[in-house]
Amino acid sequence: MGHVYIGPVGQVLTYFYHGIENAAFLADNCINCLACKEVCASGIDLPSLIKEIQIRINEKNGRPLISKTITAILKDRNLFHSFMKIAKTGQKPFSSKDGFLRHLPLMLYKDHSFRTLPKLADIPLRSKWGK
């Protein structure tokens, strides 16, 4: 992992004892699942500490372009709906007849169907809601 400490506690300790430069890689590995909070015997709110470290790292280093793009899309309702329409069209070459997206060649698809995602709906729920 690039430094002495690993895991959620390691992320916090690395930041405080070894600086922001050594903690940046570890903080990016957190998926915010909150599991560390549930299993912490000391009751430490590790997710909040890790999120604060991520915020400080982003303030110092700047946010990555992908993060800025996702934030812009999620904040703007019209942009989000436009993006979803484009994604619905773009998924067609990867969609199977059973309503899932495939990422493997069809000859391997049956063995790995557990790794599929459902495709985007043809008619979004927001359009069906009033009906």
C-alpha atoms as a PDB file:
ATOM      1  CA  MET A   1       0.000   0.000   0.000  1.00  0.00           C
ATOM      2  CA  GLY A   2       3.022   2.279  -0.118  1.00  0.00           C
ATOM      3  CA  HIS A   3       3.480   2.933   3.592  1.00  0.00           C
ATOM      4  CA  VAL A   4       3.806   1.299   6.995  1.00  0.00           C
ATOM      5  CA  TYR A   5       0.154   1.484   8.072  1.00  0.00           C
ATOM      6  CA  ILE A   6      -2.708  -0.195   6.229  1.00  0.00           C
ATOM      7  CA  GLY A   7      -6.468  -0.264   6.580  1.00  0.00           C
ATOM      8  CA  PRO A   8      -8.776   2.475   7.847  1.00  0.00           C
ATOM      9  CA  VAL A   9      -6.771   3.207  10.987  1.00  0.00           C
ATOM     10  CA  GLY A  10      -3.643   3.215   8.843  1.00  0.00           C
ATOM     11  CA  GLN A  11      -5.096   5.915   6.627  1.00  0.00           C
ATOM     12  CA  VAL A  12      -5.640   8.185   9.593  1.00  0.00           C
ATOM     13  CA  LEU A  13      -2.301   7.384  11.261  1.00  0.00           C
ATOM     14  CA  THR A  14      -0.353   7.847   8.043  1.00  0.00           C
ATOM     15  CA  TYR A  15      -1.899  11.277   7.523  1.00  0.00           C
ATOM     16  CA  PHE A  16      -1.129  12.476  11.040  1.00  0.00           C
ATOM     17  CA  TYR A  17       2.318  10.898  11.485  1.00  0.00           C
ATOM     18  CA  HIS A  18       3.741  10.868   7.964  1.00  0.00           C
ATOM     19  CA  GLY A  19       2.027  13.713   6.135  1.00  0.00           C
ATOM     20  CA  ILE A  20      -0.464  14.330   3.403  1.00  0.00           C
ATOM     21  CA  GLU A  21       1.865  13.110   0.646  1.00  0.00           C
ATOM     22  CA  ASN A  22       2.010   9.585   2.076  1.00  0.00           C
ATOM     23  CA  ALA A  23      -1.707   9.466   2.917  1.00  0.00           C
ATOM     24  CA  ALA A  24      -3.049  10.489  -0.504  1.00  0.00           C
ATOM     25  CA  PHE A  25      -2.800   7.019  -2.041  1.00  0.00           C
ATOM     26  CA  LEU A  26      -4.411   5.338   0.975  1.00  0.00           C
ATOM     27  CA  ALA A  27      -7.305   7.800   1.165  1.00  0.00           C
ATOM     28  CA  ASP A  28      -8.168   7.086  -2.466  1.00  0.00           C
ATOM     29  CA  ASN A  29      -8.694   3.405  -1.621  1.00  0.00           C
ATOM     30  CA  CYS A  30     -11.625   4.044   0.717  1.00  0.00           C
ATOM     31  CA  ILE A  31     -14.959   3.098  -0.888  1.00  0.00           C
ATOM     32  CA  ASN A  32     -17.060   4.636   1.928  1.00  0.00           C
ATOM     33  CA  CYS A  33     -18.760   1.353   2.803  1.00  0.00           C
ATOM     34  CA  LEU A  34     -18.771   2.263   6.531  1.00  0.00           C
ATOM     35  CA  ALA A  35     -17.702  -1.281   7.483  1.00  0.00           C
ATOM     36  CA  CYS A  36     -14.735   0.043   9.489  1.00  0.00           C
ATOM     37  CA  LYS A  37     -17.124   2.011  11.724  1.00  0.00           C
ATOM     38  CA  GLU A  38     -19.217  -1.086  12.429  1.00  0.00           C
ATOM     39  CA  VAL A  39     -16.264  -3.297  13.400  1.00  0.00           C
ATOM     40  CA  CYS A  40     -14.154  -0.745  15.289  1.00  0.00           C
ATOM     41  CA  ALA A  41     -13.884  -2.029  18.861  1.00  0.00           C
ATOM     42  CA  SER A  42     -13.053   1.488  20.108  1.00  0.00           C
ATOM     43  CA  GLY A  43     -16.066   3.064  18.454  1.00  0.00           C
ATOM     44  CA  ILE A  44     -13.955   5.501  16.414  1.00  0.00           C
ATOM     45  CA  ASP A  45     -15.839   7.175  13.583  1.00  0.00           C
ATOM     46  CA  LEU A  46     -13.207   6.259  10.997  1.00  0.00           C
ATOM     47  CA  PRO A  47     -15.347   7.071   7.925  1.00  0.00           C
ATOM     48  CA  SER A  48     -15.687  10.697   9.052  1.00  0.00           C
ATOM     49  CA  LEU A  49     -11.960  10.973   9.696  1.00  0.00           C
ATOM     50  CA  ILE A  50     -11.117   9.438   6.328  1.00  0.00           C
ATOM     51  CA  LYS A  51     -13.599  11.740   4.559  1.00  0.00           C
ATOM     52  CA  GLU A  52     -11.995  14.762   6.262  1.00  0.00           C
ATOM     53  CA  ILE A  53      -8.560  13.598   5.126  1.00  0.00           C
ATOM     54  CA  GLN A  54      -9.855  13.164   1.575  1.00  0.00           C
ATOM     55  CA  ILE A  55     -11.265  16.712   1.663  1.00  0.00           C
ATOM     56  CA  ARG A  56      -7.933  18.116   2.883  1.00  0.00           C
ATOM     57  CA  ILE A  57      -6.018  16.202   0.207  1.00  0.00           C
ATOM     58  CA  ASN A  58      -8.397  17.455  -2.505  1.00  0.00           C
ATOM     59  CA  GLU A  59      -8.079  21.033  -1.232  1.00  0.00           C
ATOM     60  CA  LYS A  60      -4.302  20.812  -1.396  1.00  0.00           C
ATOM     61  CA  ASN A  61      -3.904  18.839  -4.625  1.00  0.00           C
ATOM     62  CA  GLY A  62      -7.082  19.819  -6.456  1.00  0.00           C
ATOM     63  CA  ARG A  63      -9.874  17.434  -7.350  1.00  0.00           C
ATOM     64  CA  PRO A  64      -9.347  14.965 -10.182  1.00  0.00           C
ATOM     65  CA  LEU A  65     -11.052  15.756 -13.497  1.00  0.00           C
ATOM     66  CA  ILE A  66     -13.343  12.728 -13.257  1.00  0.00           C
ATOM     67  CA  SER A  67     -14.557  13.888  -9.839  1.00  0.00           C
ATOM     68  CA  LYS A  68     -15.250  17.388 -11.163  1.00  0.00           C
ATOM     69  CA  THR A  69     -17.109  15.955 -14.146  1.00  0.00           C
ATOM     70  CA  ILE A  70     -19.296  13.638 -12.051  1.00  0.00           C
ATOM     71  CA  THR A  71     -20.059  16.463  -9.620  1.00  0.00           C
ATOM     72  CA  ALA A  72     -21.103  18.762 -12.473  1.00  0.00           C
ATOM     73  CA  ILE A  73     -23.359  16.095 -13.979  1.00  0.00           C
ATOM     74  CA  LEU A  74     -25.029  15.238 -10.672  1.00  0.00           C
ATOM     75  CA  LYS A  75     -25.636  18.880  -9.724  1.00  0.00           C
ATOM     76  CA  ASP A  76     -27.360  19.832 -12.976  1.00  0.00           C
ATOM     77  CA  ARG A  77     -30.667  18.027 -13.540  1.00  0.00           C
ATOM     78  CA  ASN A  78     -30.823  18.739 -17.281  1.00  0.00           C
ATOM     79  CA  LEU A  79     -27.209  17.702 -17.790  1.00  0.00           C
ATOM     80  CA  PHE A  80     -27.836  14.494 -15.816  1.00  0.00           C
ATOM     81  CA  HIS A  81     -30.906  13.588 -17.897  1.00  0.00           C
ATOM     82  CA  SER A  82     -29.002  14.332 -21.117  1.00  0.00           C
ATOM     83  CA  PHE A  83     -26.115  12.164 -19.948  1.00  0.00           C
ATOM     84  CA  MET A  84     -28.494   9.298 -19.132  1.00  0.00           C
ATOM     85  CA  LYS A  85     -30.080   9.521 -22.620  1.00  0.00           C
ATOM     86  CA  ILE A  86     -26.621   9.347 -24.200  1.00  0.00           C
ATOM     87  CA  ALA A  87     -25.641   6.443 -21.925  1.00  0.00           C
ATOM     88  CA  LYS A  88     -28.845   4.583 -22.825  1.00  0.00           C
ATOM     89  CA  THR A  89     -27.914   4.816 -26.502  1.00  0.00           C
ATOM     90  CA  GLY A  90     -24.258   4.019 -25.840  1.00  0.00           C
ATOM     91  CA  GLN A  91     -25.054   0.831 -23.955  1.00  0.00           C
ATOM     92  CA  LYS A  92     -26.778  -0.856 -26.907  1.00  0.00           C
ATOM     93  CA  PRO A  93     -23.678  -2.662 -28.284  1.00  0.00           C
ATOM     94  CA  PHE A  94     -23.031  -4.096 -24.803  1.00  0.00           C
ATOM     95  CA  SER A  95     -26.627  -5.081 -23.948  1.00  0.00           C
ATOM     96  CA  SER A  96     -27.852  -8.643 -24.061  1.00  0.00           C
ATOM     97  CA  LYS A  97     -31.431  -9.724 -24.729  1.00  0.00           C
ATOM     98  CA  ASP A  98     -32.000 -10.582 -21.058  1.00  0.00           C
ATOM     99  CA  GLY A  99     -31.673  -6.919 -20.017  1.00  0.00           C
ATOM    100  CA  PHE A 100     -28.096  -6.932 -18.763  1.00  0.00           C
ATOM    101  CA  LEU A 101     -24.851  -5.345 -19.908  1.00  0.00           C
ATOM    102  CA  ARG A 102     -22.174  -7.802 -20.861  1.00  0.00           C
ATOM    103  CA  HIS A 103     -18.488  -7.057 -20.603  1.00  0.00           C
ATOM    104  CA  LEU A 104     -17.101 -10.383 -21.780  1.00  0.00           C
ATOM    105  CA  PRO A 105     -17.314 -12.109 -25.152  1.00  0.00           C
ATOM    106  CA  LEU A 106     -20.608 -14.006 -25.429  1.00  0.00           C
ATOM    107  CA  MET A 107     -18.855 -17.394 -25.343  1.00  0.00           C
ATOM    108  CA  LEU A 108     -17.732 -16.581 -21.760  1.00  0.00           C
ATOM    109  CA  TYR A 109     -20.868 -14.700 -20.736  1.00  0.00           C
ATOM    110  CA  LYS A 110     -22.795 -17.658 -19.246  1.00  0.00           C
ATOM    111  CA  ASP A 111     -20.020 -18.471 -16.803  1.00  0.00           C
ATOM    112  CA  HIS A 112     -19.723 -14.874 -15.649  1.00  0.00           C
ATOM    113  CA  SER A 113     -23.305 -13.670 -15.630  1.00  0.00           C
ATOM    114  CA  PHE A 114     -22.951 -12.761 -11.953  1.00  0.00           C
ATOM    115  CA  ARG A 115     -20.670  -9.900 -13.030  1.00  0.00           C
ATOM    116  CA  THR A 116     -23.266  -8.136 -15.133  1.00  0.00           C
ATOM    117  CA  LEU A 117     -25.156  -4.923 -14.524  1.00  0.00           C
ATOM    118  CA  PRO A 118     -28.743  -4.270 -15.556  1.00  0.00           C
ATOM    119  CA  LYS A 119     -29.007  -2.000 -18.565  1.00  0.00           C
ATOM    120  CA  LEU A 120     -30.574   1.429 -18.252  1.00  0.00           C
ATOM    121  CA  ALA A 121     -34.342   1.343 -18.620  1.00  0.00           C
ATOM    122  CA  ASP A 122     -35.860   2.342 -21.953  1.00  0.00           C
ATOM    123  CA  ILE A 123     -38.343   4.538 -20.094  1.00  0.00           C
ATOM    124  CA  PRO A 124     -36.957   6.066 -16.890  1.00  0.00           C
ATOM    125  CA  LEU A 125     -38.926   5.790 -13.655  1.00  0.00           C
ATOM    126  CA  ARG A 126     -39.357   9.576 -13.488  1.00  0.00           C
ATOM    127  CA  SER A 127     -41.360   9.351 -16.749  1.00  0.00           C
ATOM    128  CA  LYS A 128     -43.546   6.518 -15.423  1.00  0.00           C
ATOM    129  CA  TRP A 129     -44.136   8.047 -11.986  1.00  0.00           C
ATOM    130  CA  GLY A 130     -47.209  10.109 -12.872  1.00  0.00           C
ATOM    131  CA  LYS A 131     -48.831   7.140 -14.626  1.00  0.00           C
END
